[in-house]
Amino acid sequence: MSKESTIQTKNTPYDWHSSPEAANLLPGPVDESELIRIPLSRAIFRLAGPAIGSMLFIMVFGLVDAWWVGKLGAEELAGVSAASFILWALQSIAMLVETGVNAMVARFVGAGDYRRAGLVIGQSVFLGSFIALFNSGIGLLVQKATFVKMGLSGVVLSSAMDYMTIVLYGLITIFLAFGLDAAFRGMGDTKTPLKIIGVGLTFNMILDPVLIFGLGPFPRMEAAGAALATVLAHALVVVWSFLLLRRRKVKMIFRDEKSQLFNFDLMWRISKIGAPIAVNGFLFSLSYMILTRLITDFGPESLAALGLGHRIEGMSYYVAVGFSVAAATLVGQHLGANKPDRAEQAVWLNVLYISIFLIFISFIFFFFGSTIIRFFVDDPAVVREGALYLKIIAIFEVFLGFEIVLEGAFGGAGNSLPPMLISAPLTWTRIPLSLVLAYTLGLGSTGIWLSISLTTALKGLVLAFWFRRGHWKTKKV
């Protein structure tokens, strides 16, 4: 073995497998990412700042839809809110590709293997397309039965169906947008996704009123118009992402070293990393479908409040995701460069920064919740329920940051199983806890809001304890 090969192997903490074709893919001389060299706080904000902007833009996608659909009435808003939980479940499945791509691209970039990083991106396009098309077909078959099981009927049901049908036909655009965004982030670039999503959001904001209310030559589509605007905006994001990736040092590569179009081994490795996060997210959203069924017992106003409150809470969630992106990328690149202790330090700094932000947001939610809700809807019952929801979740909101950032850190290390083992059971604890608080103790919708808040605190605390154990530092991808 040459001296150069020996150096490459020592700097490569991930598993290259023992097959002959894998041996030919050993990385070239390590070219450390700038993120590995600069002070951690600067690296965090260089990543988190644009990532937070991107996440907030994504949140605004939903809020814009809710704002315009809310002009149609409380029942239409309730229908789209219910459909948003189905969309949430499907987006959770897209995390299978997103998490794997982010972890593997970051690890390979940290080790200086840009070709292998590009091959991961190319294979993720195929993988994301296959998964999206499969879920579109299944979704179209079962969506009505699912909504009926959730307790929807009348205008609420028809609005949910109108919205969800369009989303399912265009689901591939959403899945590909998730994967390509993760590719940029794995490279340590969060500014480009911010620009791309900003353009997509602007396009969505223009299309929403035009398609919902049928302005000019366009037909009035109502809830379906909001969905079509979202799909078309994501299609624009995908096309632009493809064009920009052609000019990168890490280029999208579709054929492997054997000129094979499909590298199923690589797809499996992407899926293996992302699957626990995807399962966790899917179970999380599925639990909300059940909570939605419970909420319908307290009227469409409570359901509308849950959907709207969730979108507003998205500000906290997506800022936390921005710091989670920074944690995932820094963990991946630092592990690729054999610097696990600096990786851990980066994670706890992210937790500190998001906690400071969430304490401030909790104050806003607690004291100004009704003002925020009233901006989106005039119905007094929805305003009352929505304000109560924001006040209760504000109590333990800081632990949301723990949960999201640490989940990203585990994912960046390729060790995504612990978040699923912790989060999924505690999330599903919300169901029996809601039954006890809402029905047995007679607290109604307030009991459901309390169950959400309490379990959020538990998840954050347990994840922090598990992360401190440090087993993620030795995980191979």
Protein backbone atom coordinates (compact mmCIF):
# COMPACT_ATOMS: atom_id res chain seq x y z
CA MET A 1 0.00 0.00 0.00
CA SER A 2 1.34 3.42 -0.95
CA LYS A 3 1.99 6.18 1.56
CA GLU A 4 -0.83 8.22 0.00
CA SER A 5 -3.32 5.35 0.39
CA THR A 6 -2.32 4.91 4.03
CA ILE A 7 -3.00 8.57 4.77
CA GLN A 8 -6.38 8.39 3.04
CA THR A 9 -7.46 5.39 5.07
CA LYS A 10 -6.48 6.96 8.38
CA ASN A 11 -8.54 10.01 7.60
CA THR A 12 -11.64 8.01 6.69
CA PRO A 13 -13.69 6.97 9.76
CA TYR A 14 -16.65 5.69 7.75
CA ASP A 15 -17.16 2.20 6.31
CA TRP A 16 -15.85 1.69 2.79
CA HIS A 17 -16.94 -1.97 2.77
CA SER A 18 -14.68 -4.73 1.58
CA SER A 19 -15.84 -5.20 -2.01
CA PRO A 20 -13.36 -4.59 -4.89
CA GLU A 21 -15.51 -1.87 -6.45
CA ALA A 22 -15.70 -0.05 -3.11
CA ALA A 23 -11.92 -0.16 -2.82
CA ASN A 24 -11.66 1.87 -6.03
CA LEU A 25 -13.69 4.64 -4.44
CA LEU A 26 -11.29 5.56 -1.64
CA PRO A 27 -11.24 9.36 -1.38
CA GLY A 28 -8.45 11.54 -2.66
CA PRO A 29 -6.31 13.77 -0.41
CA VAL A 30 -8.43 15.42 2.22
CA ASP A 31 -9.41 19.02 1.52
CA GLU A 32 -11.02 20.14 4.77
CA SER A 33 -14.14 22.20 4.57
CA GLU A 34 -13.76 25.76 5.81
CA LEU A 35 -16.43 24.95 8.39
CA ILE A 36 -13.97 22.63 10.10
CA ARG A 37 -11.33 25.34 10.45
CA ILE A 38 -13.23 28.46 11.49
CA PRO A 39 -14.53 29.16 15.06
CA LEU A 40 -17.61 27.10 15.87
CA SER A 41 -19.93 30.03 16.62
CA ARG A 42 -19.13 31.56 13.24
CA ALA A 43 -19.65 28.20 11.51
CA ILE A 44 -22.99 27.70 13.30
CA PHE A 45 -24.40 31.06 12.30
CA ARG A 46 -23.03 30.79 8.77
CA LEU A 47 -25.09 27.61 8.42
CA ALA A 48 -28.01 28.34 10.73
CA GLY A 49 -28.73 31.89 9.56
CA PRO A 50 -29.63 31.06 5.94
CA ALA A 51 -31.13 27.71 7.03
CA ILE A 52 -33.47 29.51 9.43
CA GLY A 53 -34.44 31.85 6.60
CA SER A 54 -35.19 28.85 4.39
CA MET A 55 -37.22 27.16 7.12
CA LEU A 56 -39.20 30.33 7.80
CA PHE A 57 -39.93 30.62 4.10
CA ILE A 58 -41.24 27.06 4.21
CA MET A 59 -43.40 28.01 7.19
CA VAL A 60 -44.72 30.99 5.25
CA PHE A 61 -45.73 28.61 2.44
CA GLY A 62 -48.25 27.09 4.86
CA LEU A 63 -49.25 30.39 6.47
CA VAL A 64 -49.95 32.01 3.11
CA ASP A 65 -52.22 29.10 2.19
CA ALA A 66 -53.95 29.32 5.58
CA TRP A 67 -54.38 33.09 5.32
CA TRP A 68 -56.07 32.94 1.92
CA VAL A 69 -58.10 29.79 2.64
CA GLY A 70 -59.19 31.37 5.93
CA LYS A 71 -61.00 34.00 3.82
CA LEU A 72 -63.22 31.20 2.51
CA GLY A 73 -64.44 30.32 6.03
CA ALA A 74 -63.70 28.28 9.16
CA GLU A 75 -64.86 24.98 7.61
CA GLU A 76 -62.61 25.36 4.56
CA LEU A 77 -59.69 26.24 6.83
CA ALA A 78 -60.44 23.20 9.00
CA GLY A 79 -60.39 20.97 5.91
CA VAL A 80 -57.05 22.27 4.69
CA SER A 81 -55.70 22.01 8.26
CA ALA A 82 -56.68 18.33 8.37
CA ALA A 83 -55.10 17.77 4.95
CA SER A 84 -51.93 19.43 6.16
CA PHE A 85 -51.46 16.61 8.68
CA ILE A 86 -51.56 14.08 5.81
CA LEU A 87 -49.06 16.21 3.90
CA TRP A 88 -46.95 16.32 7.03
CA ALA A 89 -46.93 12.51 7.11
CA LEU A 90 -45.82 12.38 3.49
CA GLN A 91 -43.11 14.98 4.09
CA SER A 92 -41.92 12.82 6.97
CA ILE A 93 -41.41 9.97 4.51
CA ALA A 94 -39.35 12.36 2.37
CA MET A 95 -37.05 12.69 5.40
CA LEU A 96 -35.84 9.17 4.56
CA VAL A 97 -33.99 10.66 1.59
CA GLU A 98 -33.24 14.06 3.13
CA THR A 99 -31.56 12.75 6.29
CA GLY A 100 -29.47 10.18 4.45
CA VAL A 101 -28.31 12.66 1.83
CA ASN A 102 -27.41 15.31 4.39
CA ALA A 103 -25.40 12.86 6.52
CA MET A 104 -23.54 11.16 3.67
CA VAL A 105 -22.78 14.28 1.62
CA ALA A 106 -21.48 16.06 4.74
CA ARG A 107 -19.33 13.05 5.70
CA PHE A 108 -17.82 12.69 2.22
CA VAL A 109 -17.23 16.42 1.84
CA GLY A 110 -15.52 16.47 5.24
CA ALA A 111 -13.23 13.67 4.02
CA GLY A 112 -12.57 15.37 0.66
CA ASP A 113 -14.36 12.77 -1.53
CA TYR A 114 -16.42 15.06 -3.78
CA ARG A 115 -17.14 12.44 -6.41
CA ARG A 116 -18.77 10.10 -3.93
CA ALA A 117 -20.80 12.99 -2.54
CA GLY A 118 -22.05 13.75 -6.07
CA LEU A 119 -23.03 10.13 -6.61
CA VAL A 120 -25.07 10.21 -3.40
CA ILE A 121 -26.99 13.22 -4.73
CA GLY A 122 -27.68 11.55 -8.08
CA GLN A 123 -28.92 8.32 -6.53
CA SER A 124 -31.09 10.28 -4.11
CA VAL A 125 -32.99 11.75 -7.08
CA PHE A 126 -33.92 8.26 -8.24
CA LEU A 127 -34.74 7.10 -4.73
CA GLY A 128 -36.88 10.16 -3.97
CA SER A 129 -38.78 9.79 -7.25
CA PHE A 130 -39.56 6.10 -6.62
CA ILE A 131 -40.80 6.76 -3.09
CA ALA A 132 -42.89 9.78 -4.13
CA LEU A 133 -44.65 7.96 -6.96
CA PHE A 134 -45.42 4.98 -4.72
CA ASN A 135 -46.89 7.18 -2.00
CA SER A 136 -48.89 9.22 -4.50
CA GLY A 137 -50.61 6.07 -5.74
CA ILE A 138 -51.36 4.78 -2.25
CA GLY A 139 -52.51 8.20 -1.07
CA LEU A 140 -55.01 8.66 -3.90
CA LEU A 141 -56.55 5.31 -3.04
CA VAL A 142 -56.94 5.79 0.72
CA GLN A 143 -57.25 9.55 1.27
CA LYS A 144 -61.05 9.70 1.48
CA ALA A 145 -61.29 6.78 3.91
CA THR A 146 -58.53 8.37 5.99
CA PHE A 147 -60.32 11.71 6.23
CA VAL A 148 -63.58 10.01 7.16
CA LYS A 149 -61.77 8.09 9.91
CA MET A 150 -60.47 11.44 11.13
CA GLY A 151 -64.11 12.50 11.59
CA LEU A 152 -64.37 14.91 8.64
CA SER A 153 -67.66 15.49 6.83
CA GLY A 154 -69.49 18.04 4.68
CA VAL A 155 -67.54 21.10 3.57
CA VAL A 156 -64.59 20.20 5.81
CA LEU A 157 -64.25 16.83 4.04
CA SER A 158 -64.63 18.21 0.53
CA SER A 159 -62.05 20.96 1.15
CA ALA A 160 -59.58 18.43 2.54
CA MET A 161 -60.10 16.16 -0.48
CA ASP A 162 -59.74 19.01 -2.98
CA TYR A 163 -56.48 20.14 -1.40
CA MET A 164 -54.95 16.70 -0.90
CA THR A 165 -55.72 15.34 -4.39
CA ILE A 166 -53.67 18.06 -6.08
CA VAL A 167 -50.82 17.62 -3.59
CA LEU A 168 -50.70 13.87 -4.23
CA TYR A 169 -50.49 14.33 -8.01
CA GLY A 170 -47.56 16.71 -7.52
CA LEU A 171 -45.89 14.92 -4.61
CA ILE A 172 -42.72 14.15 -6.59
CA THR A 173 -41.87 17.87 -6.70
CA ILE A 174 -42.00 18.08 -2.89
CA PHE A 175 -39.86 14.97 -2.39
CA LEU A 176 -37.19 16.10 -4.85
CA ALA A 177 -37.11 19.57 -3.33
CA PHE A 178 -36.39 18.03 0.09
CA GLY A 179 -33.52 15.88 -1.23
CA LEU A 180 -31.86 18.64 -3.25
CA ASP A 181 -32.08 21.05 -0.33
CA ALA A 182 -30.29 18.45 1.83
CA ALA A 183 -27.56 18.11 -0.80
CA PHE A 184 -26.69 21.79 -0.61
CA ARG A 185 -26.75 21.67 3.20
CA GLY A 186 -24.45 18.67 3.30
CA MET A 187 -21.94 20.68 1.28
CA GLY A 188 -22.10 23.37 3.96
CA ASP A 189 -24.11 25.74 1.74
CA THR A 190 -27.34 27.02 3.27
CA LYS A 191 -27.41 30.32 1.38
CA THR A 192 -28.34 28.80 -1.98
CA PRO A 193 -31.42 26.96 -0.63
CA LEU A 194 -32.51 30.23 0.97
CA LYS A 195 -32.45 32.00 -2.39
CA ILE A 196 -34.19 29.13 -4.17
CA ILE A 197 -36.96 28.80 -1.58
CA GLY A 198 -37.40 32.59 -1.52
CA VAL A 199 -38.17 32.61 -5.23
CA GLY A 200 -40.50 29.62 -4.82
CA LEU A 201 -42.33 31.36 -1.99
CA THR A 202 -42.79 34.52 -4.02
CA PHE A 203 -44.22 32.44 -6.86
CA ASN A 204 -46.57 30.70 -4.40
CA MET A 205 -47.75 34.01 -2.91
CA ILE A 206 -48.64 35.30 -6.38
CA LEU A 207 -50.46 32.14 -7.41
CA ASP A 208 -52.47 31.61 -4.20
CA PRO A 209 -55.12 34.34 -4.56
CA VAL A 210 -55.21 33.89 -8.34
CA LEU A 211 -55.99 30.17 -8.15
CA ILE A 212 -58.05 30.15 -4.93
CA PHE A 213 -60.45 32.91 -5.98
CA GLY A 214 -60.16 32.62 -9.76
CA LEU A 215 -58.76 36.04 -10.58
CA GLY A 216 -58.55 37.07 -14.22
CA PRO A 217 -58.89 34.20 -16.71
CA PHE A 218 -58.27 31.52 -14.06
CA PRO A 219 -61.12 29.40 -12.63
CA ARG A 220 -62.04 29.61 -8.94
CA MET A 221 -60.42 26.50 -7.37
CA GLU A 222 -60.67 27.38 -3.65
CA ALA A 223 -58.74 24.80 -1.54
CA ALA A 224 -57.48 23.00 -4.65
CA GLY A 225 -56.01 26.30 -5.87
CA ALA A 226 -53.89 26.60 -2.72
CA ALA A 227 -52.55 23.08 -3.30
CA LEU A 228 -51.78 23.73 -6.97
CA ALA A 229 -49.87 26.91 -6.09
CA THR A 230 -47.77 24.90 -3.62
CA VAL A 231 -47.00 22.14 -6.14
CA LEU A 232 -46.03 24.58 -8.90
CA ALA A 233 -43.78 26.50 -6.51
CA HIS A 234 -41.98 23.29 -5.54
CA ALA A 235 -41.56 22.39 -9.22
CA LEU A 236 -39.80 25.71 -9.75
CA VAL A 237 -37.54 24.99 -6.76
CA VAL A 238 -36.56 21.59 -8.19
CA VAL A 239 -35.72 22.90 -11.67
CA TRP A 240 -33.59 25.74 -10.34
CA SER A 241 -31.78 23.40 -7.92
CA PHE A 242 -30.86 21.07 -10.79
CA LEU A 243 -29.45 23.97 -12.78
CA LEU A 244 -27.36 25.31 -9.89
CA LEU A 245 -25.91 21.91 -8.97
CA ARG A 246 -24.36 21.65 -12.44
CA ARG A 247 -21.97 24.47 -11.52
CA ARG A 248 -20.80 23.06 -8.15
CA LYS A 249 -17.57 21.40 -7.08
CA VAL A 250 -19.76 18.57 -5.83
CA LYS A 251 -21.60 17.77 -9.05
CA MET A 252 -24.65 15.56 -9.36
CA ILE A 253 -23.50 12.17 -10.71
CA PHE A 254 -26.09 9.68 -11.95
CA ARG A 255 -23.87 6.76 -12.98
CA ASP A 256 -21.54 4.93 -10.61
CA GLU A 257 -18.01 3.62 -11.26
CA LYS A 258 -19.48 0.73 -13.31
CA SER A 259 -21.62 3.13 -15.38
CA GLN A 260 -24.73 1.69 -13.74
CA LEU A 261 -27.65 4.08 -13.57
CA PHE A 262 -29.04 2.61 -10.35
CA ASN A 263 -26.70 1.89 -7.44
CA PHE A 264 -28.99 0.01 -5.09
CA ASP A 265 -26.30 -0.42 -2.45
CA LEU A 266 -25.94 3.35 -2.16
CA MET A 267 -29.71 3.83 -2.16
CA TRP A 268 -29.95 1.30 0.66
CA ARG A 269 -27.30 3.13 2.69
CA ILE A 270 -29.14 6.44 2.20
CA SER A 271 -32.39 4.76 3.25
CA LYS A 272 -30.85 3.03 6.27
CA ILE A 273 -29.71 6.35 7.71
CA GLY A 274 -32.93 8.19 6.93
CA ALA A 275 -35.46 5.45 7.73
CA PRO A 276 -35.61 5.91 11.53
CA ILE A 277 -36.12 9.68 11.16
CA ALA A 278 -38.75 9.08 8.48
CA VAL A 279 -40.56 6.48 10.59
CA ASN A 280 -40.44 8.78 13.59
CA GLY A 281 -41.84 11.67 11.59
CA PHE A 282 -44.55 9.51 10.04
CA LEU A 283 -45.62 8.15 13.43
CA PHE A 284 -45.59 11.70 14.76
CA SER A 285 -47.92 12.92 12.03
CA LEU A 286 -50.08 9.80 12.33
CA SER A 287 -50.55 10.59 16.02
CA TYR A 288 -51.84 13.99 14.98
CA MET A 289 -54.39 12.37 12.71
CA ILE A 290 -55.71 10.56 15.79
CA LEU A 291 -55.57 13.77 17.82
CA THR A 292 -57.49 15.41 15.00
CA ARG A 293 -60.19 12.78 15.45
CA LEU A 294 -60.35 13.66 19.15
CA ILE A 295 -60.41 17.38 18.41
CA THR A 296 -63.41 17.04 16.09
CA ASP A 297 -65.47 16.13 19.16
CA PHE A 298 -65.01 19.73 20.31
CA GLY A 299 -66.10 21.35 17.04
CA PRO A 300 -64.52 22.65 13.79
CA GLU A 301 -63.30 25.74 15.65
CA SER A 302 -60.95 23.62 17.77
CA LEU A 303 -59.71 21.78 14.68
CA ALA A 304 -59.07 25.05 12.88
CA ALA A 305 -57.25 26.34 15.97
CA LEU A 306 -55.03 23.25 16.08
CA GLY A 307 -54.10 23.59 12.40
CA LEU A 308 -53.53 27.33 12.62
CA GLY A 309 -51.69 27.07 15.94
CA HIS A 310 -49.41 24.46 14.44
CA ARG A 311 -48.57 26.72 11.51
CA ILE A 312 -47.81 29.62 13.84
CA GLU A 313 -45.71 27.40 16.10
CA GLY A 314 -43.83 26.64 12.91
CA MET A 315 -41.80 29.77 13.64
CA SER A 316 -40.31 28.05 16.69
CA TYR A 317 -40.05 24.71 14.93
CA TYR A 318 -38.37 25.98 11.78
CA VAL A 319 -35.88 28.17 13.61
CA ALA A 320 -34.99 25.07 15.62
CA VAL A 321 -34.66 23.15 12.35
CA GLY A 322 -32.25 25.84 11.14
CA PHE A 323 -29.97 25.15 14.09
CA SER A 324 -30.59 21.42 13.56
CA VAL A 325 -29.27 21.82 10.00
CA ALA A 326 -26.14 23.49 11.38
CA ALA A 327 -25.71 20.70 13.94
CA ALA A 328 -26.18 17.93 11.35
CA THR A 329 -23.75 19.44 8.84
CA LEU A 330 -21.08 20.23 11.44
CA VAL A 331 -21.34 16.78 13.02
CA GLY A 332 -21.09 15.07 9.63
CA GLN A 333 -18.15 17.10 8.39
CA HIS A 334 -16.25 16.96 11.69
CA LEU A 335 -16.70 13.20 11.98
CA GLY A 336 -15.47 12.91 8.38
CA ALA A 337 -12.39 14.89 9.43
CA ASN A 338 -11.91 12.78 12.61
CA LYS A 339 -12.81 15.55 15.06
CA PRO A 340 -15.63 14.07 17.20
CA ASP A 341 -15.06 16.27 20.26
CA ARG A 342 -15.42 19.46 18.23
CA ALA A 343 -18.56 17.94 16.68
CA GLU A 344 -20.08 17.51 20.15
CA GLN A 345 -19.15 21.05 21.15
CA ALA A 346 -20.90 22.36 18.04
CA VAL A 347 -24.10 20.55 18.99
CA TRP A 348 -24.33 21.97 22.51
CA LEU A 349 -23.67 25.47 21.20
CA ASN A 350 -26.61 25.01 18.81
CA VAL A 351 -28.78 23.90 21.73
CA LEU A 352 -27.78 27.00 23.71
CA TYR A 353 -28.56 29.41 20.88
CA ILE A 354 -31.98 27.91 20.06
CA SER A 355 -32.92 27.87 23.77
CA ILE A 356 -32.31 31.62 24.05
CA PHE A 357 -34.52 32.23 21.04
CA LEU A 358 -37.34 29.95 22.22
CA ILE A 359 -37.54 31.61 25.64
CA PHE A 360 -38.27 34.88 23.85
CA ILE A 361 -40.84 33.28 21.52
CA SER A 362 -42.56 31.60 24.47
CA PHE A 363 -43.10 35.02 26.03
CA ILE A 364 -44.74 36.25 22.80
CA PHE A 365 -46.99 33.19 22.51
CA PHE A 366 -48.05 33.36 26.15
CA PHE A 367 -49.01 37.03 26.28
CA PHE A 368 -49.95 37.89 22.68
CA GLY A 369 -51.48 34.65 21.37
CA SER A 370 -54.94 36.05 20.63
CA THR A 371 -53.49 38.95 18.63
CA ILE A 372 -51.49 36.53 16.50
CA ILE A 373 -54.47 34.22 15.84
CA ARG A 374 -56.79 37.13 15.05
CA PHE A 375 -54.47 38.16 12.19
CA PHE A 376 -55.42 34.98 10.33
CA VAL A 377 -59.09 34.48 11.20
CA ASP A 378 -61.93 36.59 12.63
CA ASP A 379 -64.00 33.77 14.14
CA PRO A 380 -64.10 34.47 17.95
CA ALA A 381 -64.21 30.76 18.86
CA VAL A 382 -61.16 29.98 16.72
CA VAL A 383 -59.31 32.96 18.20
CA ARG A 384 -60.11 31.80 21.74
CA GLU A 385 -59.02 28.21 21.13
CA GLY A 386 -55.93 29.20 19.16
CA ALA A 387 -54.75 31.64 21.83
CA LEU A 388 -55.19 28.97 24.51
CA TYR A 389 -53.16 26.51 22.43
CA LEU A 390 -50.27 28.99 22.05
CA LYS A 391 -50.31 29.86 25.76
CA ILE A 392 -50.08 26.23 26.85
CA ILE A 393 -47.38 25.11 24.42
CA ALA A 394 -45.32 28.17 25.40
CA ILE A 395 -44.73 26.68 28.86
CA PHE A 396 -42.36 23.95 27.64
CA GLU A 397 -41.48 25.34 24.20
CA VAL A 398 -37.76 25.57 25.02
CA PHE A 399 -37.53 21.76 25.02
CA LEU A 400 -38.70 21.71 21.40
CA GLY A 401 -35.27 23.14 20.59
CA PHE A 402 -33.54 20.30 22.45
CA GLU A 403 -35.56 17.72 20.54
CA ILE A 404 -35.08 19.16 17.05
CA VAL A 405 -31.39 20.09 17.31
CA LEU A 406 -30.38 16.78 18.89
CA GLU A 407 -32.39 14.84 16.32
CA GLY A 408 -30.43 16.68 13.62
CA ALA A 409 -27.14 15.93 15.38
CA PHE A 410 -27.91 12.21 15.56
CA GLY A 411 -28.92 12.26 11.89
CA GLY A 412 -25.75 14.09 10.87
CA ALA A 413 -23.75 11.33 12.54
CA GLY A 414 -25.72 8.70 10.64
CA ASN A 415 -27.04 7.43 13.99
CA SER A 416 -30.73 8.17 13.48
CA LEU A 417 -32.20 5.25 15.45
CA PRO A 418 -32.06 6.82 18.97
CA PRO A 419 -34.38 9.75 18.10
CA MET A 420 -36.98 7.29 16.82
CA LEU A 421 -36.73 5.05 19.89
CA ILE A 422 -37.19 8.07 22.16
CA SER A 423 -39.57 10.33 20.26
CA ALA A 424 -42.04 7.85 18.82
CA PRO A 425 -43.19 6.27 22.13
CA LEU A 426 -43.40 9.63 23.89
CA THR A 427 -45.29 11.17 20.98
CA TRP A 428 -47.83 8.36 21.10
CA THR A 429 -48.18 8.86 24.82
CA ARG A 430 -50.13 11.96 23.80
CA ILE A 431 -53.09 9.79 22.80
CA PRO A 432 -53.88 8.15 26.17
CA LEU A 433 -52.82 11.30 28.01
CA SER A 434 -55.22 13.36 25.88
CA LEU A 435 -58.03 10.89 26.58
CA VAL A 436 -57.45 11.19 30.31
CA LEU A 437 -57.10 14.96 30.39
CA ALA A 438 -59.74 15.84 27.80
CA TYR A 439 -62.45 13.31 28.67
CA THR A 440 -61.83 11.69 32.06
CA LEU A 441 -60.85 14.96 33.75
CA GLY A 442 -63.21 16.99 31.57
CA LEU A 443 -60.63 19.53 30.34
CA GLY A 444 -61.79 19.29 26.70
CA SER A 445 -59.45 20.67 24.06
CA THR A 446 -57.29 22.17 26.82
CA GLY A 447 -56.34 18.65 27.89
CA ILE A 448 -55.10 17.90 24.38
CA TRP A 449 -53.00 21.07 24.31
CA LEU A 450 -51.51 20.06 27.68
CA SER A 451 -50.62 16.57 26.50
CA ILE A 452 -48.75 18.02 23.51
CA SER A 453 -46.77 20.40 25.71
CA LEU A 454 -45.83 17.88 28.42
CA THR A 455 -44.59 15.22 26.01
CA THR A 456 -42.50 17.80 24.13
CA ALA A 457 -40.61 18.48 27.37
CA LEU A 458 -40.02 14.79 28.02
CA LYS A 459 -38.65 14.15 24.52
CA GLY A 460 -36.18 17.00 24.74
CA LEU A 461 -34.84 15.91 28.12
CA VAL A 462 -34.45 12.22 27.28
CA LEU A 463 -32.74 12.97 23.95
CA ALA A 464 -30.25 15.22 25.74
CA PHE A 465 -29.40 12.42 28.18
CA TRP A 466 -28.91 9.87 25.37
CA PHE A 467 -26.76 12.23 23.29
CA ARG A 468 -24.44 12.77 26.24
CA ARG A 469 -23.57 9.07 26.19
CA GLY A 470 -21.54 9.70 23.01
CA HIS A 471 -22.06 6.44 21.09
CA TRP A 472 -22.93 8.45 17.96
CA LYS A 473 -19.23 9.45 17.62
CA THR A 474 -18.30 5.97 16.35
CA LYS A 475 -21.17 5.52 13.88
CA LYS A 476 -20.18 4.67 10.28
CA VAL A 477 -22.10 5.57 7.13
